[in-house]
N, C-alpha and C. Protein backbone atom coordinates (compact mmCIF):
# COMPACT_ATOMS: atom_id res chain seq x y z
N MET A 1 117.66 95.97 131.36
CA MET A 1 116.62 96.15 130.48
C MET A 1 115.61 95.05 130.61
N SER A 2 114.46 95.54 130.51
CA SER A 2 113.15 94.32 130.73
C SER A 2 112.95 93.62 129.89
N LYS A 3 112.86 92.07 130.10
CA LYS A 3 112.85 91.00 129.10
C LYS A 3 111.35 91.14 128.35
N THR A 4 110.65 91.86 128.71
CA THR A 4 109.03 91.79 128.52
C THR A 4 109.06 92.58 126.76
N LYS A 5 107.99 92.06 126.26
CA LYS A 5 107.80 93.05 125.01
C LYS A 5 107.97 94.65 125.15
N ALA A 6 107.16 94.96 125.98
CA ALA A 6 106.94 96.25 126.27
C ALA A 6 108.34 96.87 126.24
N GLY A 7 109.21 96.32 127.14
CA GLY A 7 110.87 96.59 127.42
C GLY A 7 111.63 96.49 126.30
N THR A 8 111.38 95.61 125.10
CA THR A 8 112.17 95.57 124.09
C THR A 8 111.53 96.38 123.01
N HIS A 9 110.57 96.72 122.97
CA HIS A 9 109.76 97.47 121.62
C HIS A 9 109.93 98.99 121.89
N ARG A 10 110.71 99.75 120.70
CA ARG A 10 111.15 100.98 120.79
C ARG A 10 110.13 101.69 119.60
N PRO A 11 109.64 102.87 119.86
CA PRO A 11 109.09 103.41 118.72
C PRO A 11 110.04 104.34 118.02
N LEU A 12 109.57 104.61 116.61
CA LEU A 12 110.68 105.15 115.99
C LEU A 12 110.92 106.88 116.35
N PRO A 13 112.05 107.53 116.35
CA PRO A 13 112.11 108.94 116.71
C PRO A 13 111.33 109.60 115.80
N THR A 14 110.54 110.44 116.47
CA THR A 14 109.78 111.55 115.75
C THR A 14 110.21 111.84 114.23
N THR A 15 111.40 112.45 113.91
CA THR A 15 111.79 112.90 112.93
C THR A 15 111.73 112.00 112.19
N THR A 16 112.25 110.81 112.28
CA THR A 16 112.25 109.42 111.59
C THR A 16 110.75 109.04 111.12
N ALA A 17 109.94 108.98 111.87
CA ALA A 17 108.83 108.81 111.48
C ALA A 17 107.87 109.66 110.44
N GLN A 18 108.34 110.48 110.82
CA GLN A 18 107.79 111.91 109.99
C GLN A 18 108.17 111.81 108.50
N THR A 19 109.69 111.55 108.53
CA THR A 19 110.52 111.39 107.05
C THR A 19 109.77 110.14 106.44
N LEU A 20 109.63 108.82 107.10
CA LEU A 20 109.20 107.76 106.53
C LEU A 20 107.74 108.03 106.14
N ALA A 21 106.93 108.92 106.88
CA ALA A 21 105.62 109.08 106.35
C ALA A 21 105.34 109.88 105.11
N SER A 22 106.40 110.95 105.25
CA SER A 22 106.43 111.91 103.71
C SER A 22 106.52 111.04 102.86
N ARG A 23 107.64 110.00 102.93
CA ARG A 23 108.40 109.24 101.62
C ARG A 23 107.26 108.30 101.31
N LEU A 24 106.49 107.43 102.15
CA LEU A 24 105.49 106.91 101.88
C LEU A 24 104.21 107.52 101.13
N ARG A 25 103.75 108.40 101.51
CA ARG A 25 102.84 109.03 100.70
C ARG A 25 103.24 109.37 99.40
N TYR A 26 104.39 110.14 99.40
CA TYR A 26 104.80 110.60 98.00
C TYR A 26 104.84 109.35 97.04
N LEU A 27 105.66 108.28 97.63
CA LEU A 27 105.73 107.04 96.64
C LEU A 27 104.38 106.49 96.19
N ARG A 28 103.51 106.54 97.00
CA ARG A 28 101.99 105.94 96.79
C ARG A 28 101.72 107.03 95.76
N GLU A 29 101.76 108.32 95.97
CA GLU A 29 100.68 109.24 95.24
C GLU A 29 101.50 109.28 93.48
N GLN A 30 102.92 108.82 93.76
CA GLN A 30 103.91 108.72 92.57
C GLN A 30 103.17 107.24 91.84
N ALA A 31 102.91 106.49 92.28
CA ALA A 31 102.17 105.23 91.94
C ALA A 31 100.83 105.25 91.26
N GLY A 32 100.30 106.36 91.63
CA GLY A 32 98.97 106.62 91.42
C GLY A 32 97.79 106.01 92.18
N LEU A 33 98.02 105.50 93.27
CA LEU A 33 97.28 104.65 94.14
C LEU A 33 96.59 105.23 95.40
N THR A 34 95.53 104.68 95.48
CA THR A 34 94.83 105.20 96.78
C THR A 34 95.24 104.43 98.04
N GLN A 35 95.08 105.14 99.33
CA GLN A 35 95.26 104.64 100.55
C GLN A 35 94.74 103.27 100.73
N GLU A 36 93.37 103.19 99.85
CA GLU A 36 92.59 101.95 99.98
C GLU A 36 93.38 100.96 99.29
N GLN A 37 93.67 100.97 98.11
CA GLN A 37 94.35 100.29 97.01
C GLN A 37 95.47 99.64 97.79
N VAL A 38 96.25 100.47 98.29
CA VAL A 38 97.44 99.93 99.14
C VAL A 38 97.09 99.04 100.17
N ALA A 39 96.16 99.35 101.02
CA ALA A 39 96.06 98.64 102.22
C ALA A 39 95.47 97.48 101.51
N GLY A 40 94.31 97.27 100.51
CA GLY A 40 94.02 95.94 99.89
C GLY A 40 95.10 95.25 99.48
N SER A 41 96.00 95.82 98.57
CA SER A 41 97.31 94.73 98.10
C SER A 41 97.81 94.57 99.35
N ALA A 42 98.48 95.12 100.15
CA ALA A 42 98.89 94.92 101.22
C ALA A 42 98.28 93.82 102.32
N ASP A 43 97.38 93.86 102.23
CA ASP A 43 96.77 92.94 103.46
C ASP A 43 96.64 93.54 104.77
N VAL A 44 96.41 94.95 104.66
CA VAL A 44 96.68 95.88 105.91
C VAL A 44 95.38 96.69 105.92
N SER A 45 95.07 97.14 107.35
CA SER A 45 93.82 98.08 107.28
C SER A 45 94.11 99.16 106.55
N VAL A 46 93.39 100.17 106.25
CA VAL A 46 93.25 101.61 105.62
C VAL A 46 93.77 102.47 106.69
N GLN A 47 93.11 101.98 107.87
CA GLN A 47 93.67 102.58 109.10
C GLN A 47 95.44 102.96 109.43
N MET A 48 95.88 101.50 109.06
CA MET A 48 97.15 101.44 109.26
C MET A 48 98.13 102.41 108.15
N VAL A 49 97.60 101.91 106.95
CA VAL A 49 98.10 103.21 106.08
C VAL A 49 97.98 104.45 106.34
N ARG A 50 96.97 105.01 106.62
CA ARG A 50 96.78 106.43 106.99
C ARG A 50 97.54 106.60 108.28
N ARG A 51 97.71 105.70 109.26
CA ARG A 51 98.68 105.81 110.40
C ARG A 51 99.95 106.26 110.11
N LEU A 52 100.56 105.10 108.85
CA LEU A 52 101.79 105.09 108.35
C LEU A 52 102.18 106.41 107.59
N GLU A 53 101.14 107.11 106.88
CA GLU A 53 101.35 108.60 106.32
C GLU A 53 101.19 109.63 107.43
N ALA A 54 100.77 109.33 108.43
CA ALA A 54 100.71 110.68 109.24
C ALA A 54 101.98 110.27 110.24
N GLY A 55 102.46 109.17 110.27
CA GLY A 55 103.88 109.32 110.94
C GLY A 55 103.13 108.92 112.47
N THR A 56 101.94 108.19 112.61
CA THR A 56 101.78 107.88 114.00
C THR A 56 101.47 106.61 114.44
N ALA A 57 102.00 105.60 113.16
CA ALA A 57 102.23 104.26 113.33
C ALA A 57 103.43 103.88 113.58
N ASN A 58 103.93 102.66 114.49
CA ASN A 58 105.28 102.24 114.53
C ASN A 58 105.36 100.76 114.13
N PRO A 59 105.34 100.83 112.59
CA PRO A 59 105.32 99.58 111.75
C PRO A 59 106.16 98.70 111.97
N THR A 60 106.10 97.21 112.25
CA THR A 60 107.21 96.19 111.82
C THR A 60 107.59 96.17 110.40
N LEU A 61 108.95 95.39 110.59
CA LEU A 61 109.48 95.02 109.07
C LEU A 61 108.32 94.61 108.44
N GLY A 62 107.61 93.43 108.83
CA GLY A 62 106.69 92.81 108.04
C GLY A 62 105.74 93.74 107.49
N THR A 63 105.23 94.75 108.20
CA THR A 63 104.18 95.69 107.40
C THR A 63 104.66 96.76 106.70
N LEU A 64 105.87 97.04 106.57
CA LEU A 64 106.74 97.84 105.67
C LEU A 64 106.94 96.77 104.68
N HIS A 65 107.29 95.83 104.74
CA HIS A 65 107.47 94.89 103.49
C HIS A 65 106.22 94.90 102.84
N ALA A 66 105.15 94.28 103.15
CA ALA A 66 104.03 94.40 102.70
C ALA A 66 103.29 95.53 101.98
N VAL A 67 103.42 96.89 102.51
CA VAL A 67 103.18 97.88 101.89
C VAL A 67 104.25 98.36 100.85
N THR A 68 105.29 98.34 101.02
CA THR A 68 106.37 98.44 99.93
C THR A 68 106.09 97.62 98.47
N THR A 69 105.56 96.28 99.08
CA THR A 69 105.35 95.36 97.79
C THR A 69 104.06 95.79 97.15
N ALA A 70 103.24 96.05 97.71
CA ALA A 70 101.88 96.71 97.32
C ALA A 70 102.47 97.69 96.14
N LEU A 71 103.38 98.44 96.84
CA LEU A 71 103.71 99.70 95.80
C LEU A 71 104.57 99.20 94.67
N ASP A 72 105.29 98.20 94.73
CA ASP A 72 106.16 97.68 93.90
C ASP A 72 107.67 98.33 93.93
N ILE A 73 108.14 98.37 95.36
CA ILE A 73 109.08 99.23 95.50
C ILE A 73 109.99 98.27 96.60
N ALA A 74 111.06 98.75 96.62
CA ALA A 74 112.14 98.09 97.63
C ALA A 74 111.65 98.41 98.88
N TRP A 75 111.86 97.92 100.10
CA TRP A 75 111.50 98.71 101.32
C TRP A 75 112.49 99.70 101.54
N THR A 76 113.72 99.47 100.86
CA THR A 76 114.62 100.27 101.12
C THR A 76 114.79 101.74 100.67
N ASP A 77 113.62 101.67 99.70
CA ASP A 77 113.44 103.15 98.71
C ASP A 77 112.88 104.03 99.77
N LEU A 78 111.94 103.46 100.79
CA LEU A 78 111.31 104.26 101.97
C LEU A 78 112.40 105.40 102.66
N PHE A 79 113.44 104.87 102.77
CA PHE A 79 114.59 105.81 103.35
C PHE A 79 115.40 106.55 102.52
N LEU A 80 115.50 106.66 101.17
CA LEU A 80 116.04 107.50 100.24
C LEU A 80 115.46 108.85 100.41
N GLU A 81 116.29 109.65 100.02
CA GLU A 81 115.98 111.01 100.11
C GLU A 81 115.13 111.36 99.00
N ILE A 82 113.97 112.47 99.05
CA ILE A 82 113.11 112.82 98.21
C ILE A 82 113.66 113.80 97.46
N LYS A 83 113.85 113.85 96.04
CA LYS A 83 114.61 114.71 95.16
C LYS A 83 113.69 115.53 94.53
């Protein structure tokens, strides 16, 4: 295995990214927040929030922590099944 950053950084599997995206969008809408509000509270770009909700971002745990803190939820809530 390569020891470069590119060699150790792995993208999320497509199904995981889409599940995460759907869950994030659902939780944001349940909180009554806009993408802009979440981005501002999380100190990330609106583009990042849009990419997260589209399933095209490969977020770090730090980014997920910031976004879930802005939503006032635990980051583990992103991985719970939508009921």
